[in-house]
Structures are given as structure tokens and as C-alpha cells.
Amino acid sequence: MIIDRHTFIDLATHLEGASEGVLEVTKRCVSLCEEGGETAARPDQDCWVALVESLVSVNSELTSIEQTLRALLEANREEEEFARAALRRTGAVDA
């Protein structure tokens, strides 16, 4: 086993929470831009661009973590299949 089920689920749960957090921050930023119309004071354009770039960067990292977790899950499946096949070859388990 490459990663145990409990650890995998724990990591996936944290990934989901982080992803939802990024989405919530993005929604709040959009609502700040829309509030007050044209007359309201808005943060500097450069600040918004930097914020969006930061959110994109965090989202990219979360995507990488998700891909790593998927690879771990697949590696676990392959390892389990290999172990079952080895047991069948030795006759330890009835097919």
C-alpha cells in the first residue's frame, strides 16, 4: 500500500476545503467590484490584478495536489492488483 485509506481521505478533504476557500474568496472579490457602482471608491487596478494572479497561482497548486492524489489512488489500485495476482500465482488464494 502506497497510501492508507484514512490518510488519502484526510488529504482529499483538506484539498476540497482549500478549493472551496479559493472559490469563496473569488466570489467575494467579484462582489466587492460590483458593489457601489461607478461612484464608489475601488481599490487600485494593480491590487486587483495581483489578487487575481495570487488566486490563480493557488488554484494551480491545488490542481497539482489533486493530480498527485489521483496518481496515488491509481498506484494503490495497481499495487493491490499486483499483490492479488502474485497470491493467485502462488496458489495462496483461490481464483
Protein backbone atom coordinates (compact mmCIF):
# COMPACT_ATOMS: atom_id res chain seq x y z
CA MET A 1 0.00 0.00 0.00
CA ILE A 2 1.40 3.36 -1.06
CA ILE A 3 -1.02 5.47 0.98
CA ASP A 4 -3.54 4.26 3.51
CA ARG A 5 -7.22 4.99 3.06
CA HIS A 6 -7.50 7.25 6.13
CA THR A 7 -4.59 9.46 5.05
CA PHE A 8 -5.89 9.67 1.49
CA ILE A 9 -9.37 10.71 2.64
CA ASP A 10 -7.86 13.23 5.05
CA LEU A 11 -5.76 14.80 2.29
CA ALA A 12 -8.69 14.83 -0.13
CA THR A 13 -10.91 16.50 2.49
CA HIS A 14 -8.33 19.25 3.07
CA LEU A 15 -7.93 19.72 -0.67
CA GLU A 16 -11.68 20.13 -1.06
CA GLY A 17 -11.78 22.67 1.78
CA ALA A 18 -8.92 24.67 0.31
CA SER A 19 -10.53 24.63 -3.13
CA GLU A 20 -13.84 25.81 -1.70
CA GLY A 21 -11.97 28.57 0.16
CA VAL A 22 -10.40 29.84 -3.06
CA LEU A 23 -13.81 29.84 -4.73
CA GLU A 24 -15.38 31.75 -1.82
CA VAL A 25 -12.62 34.39 -1.84
CA THR A 26 -13.03 34.80 -5.59
CA LYS A 27 -16.79 35.27 -5.25
CA ARG A 28 -16.29 37.89 -2.53
CA CYS A 29 -13.79 39.78 -4.67
CA VAL A 30 -16.26 39.87 -7.53
CA SER A 31 -19.00 41.16 -5.23
CA LEU A 32 -16.66 43.90 -3.95
CA CYS A 33 -16.06 45.02 -7.53
CA GLU A 34 -19.79 45.10 -8.24
CA GLU A 35 -20.87 46.90 -5.03
CA GLY A 36 -21.37 50.63 -5.11
CA GLY A 37 -21.50 51.09 -8.84
CA GLU A 38 -19.27 53.57 -10.64
CA THR A 39 -19.18 56.22 -7.89
CA ALA A 40 -17.77 54.02 -5.13
CA ALA A 41 -14.07 54.10 -4.39
CA ARG A 42 -12.41 50.99 -5.78
CA PRO A 43 -9.05 49.50 -4.94
CA ASP A 44 -6.21 50.22 -7.32
CA GLN A 45 -6.29 48.15 -10.54
CA ASP A 46 -2.82 46.77 -9.78
CA CYS A 47 -4.05 45.42 -6.43
CA TRP A 48 -6.90 43.55 -8.12
CA VAL A 49 -4.61 42.13 -10.77
CA ALA A 50 -2.18 40.95 -8.07
CA LEU A 51 -5.04 39.37 -6.12
CA VAL A 52 -6.37 37.54 -9.17
CA GLU A 53 -2.87 36.33 -10.05
CA SER A 54 -2.45 35.03 -6.49
CA LEU A 55 -5.76 33.18 -6.65
CA VAL A 56 -4.83 31.65 -10.00
CA SER A 57 -1.50 30.55 -8.54
CA VAL A 58 -3.17 28.94 -5.51
CA ASN A 59 -5.70 27.25 -7.77
CA SER A 60 -2.86 25.87 -9.89
CA GLU A 61 -1.20 24.41 -6.80
CA LEU A 62 -4.48 22.84 -5.70
CA THR A 63 -4.85 21.28 -9.15
CA SER A 64 -1.36 19.80 -8.84
CA ILE A 65 -2.22 18.34 -5.44
CA GLU A 66 -5.42 16.85 -6.87
CA GLN A 67 -3.46 15.23 -9.70
CA THR A 68 -0.98 13.82 -7.18
CA LEU A 69 -3.80 12.34 -5.10
CA ARG A 70 -5.32 10.76 -8.21
CA ALA A 71 -1.92 9.26 -9.08
CA LEU A 72 -1.59 7.89 -5.54
CA LEU A 73 -5.04 6.34 -5.76
CA GLU A 74 -4.18 4.71 -9.08
CA ALA A 75 -0.84 3.48 -7.74
CA ASN A 76 -2.63 1.91 -4.77
CA ARG A 77 -5.02 0.13 -7.14
CA GLU A 78 -2.16 -1.16 -9.29
CA GLU A 79 -0.25 -2.37 -6.23
CA GLU A 80 -3.31 -4.18 -4.88
CA GLU A 81 -3.90 -5.86 -8.26
CA PHE A 82 -0.25 -6.91 -8.43
CA ALA A 83 -0.43 -8.38 -4.91
CA ARG A 84 -3.63 -10.29 -5.75
CA ALA A 85 -2.09 -11.65 -8.96
CA ALA A 86 1.01 -12.77 -7.05
CA LEU A 87 -1.15 -14.57 -4.50
CA ARG A 88 -3.10 -16.31 -7.26
CA ARG A 89 0.14 -17.44 -8.94
CA THR A 90 1.39 -18.96 -5.70
CA GLY A 91 -1.95 -20.64 -5.11
CA ALA A 92 -2.44 -18.87 -1.81
CA VAL A 93 -5.83 -17.54 -2.91
CA ASP A 94 -8.47 -19.37 -4.89
CA ALA A 95 -9.27 -17.53 -8.13
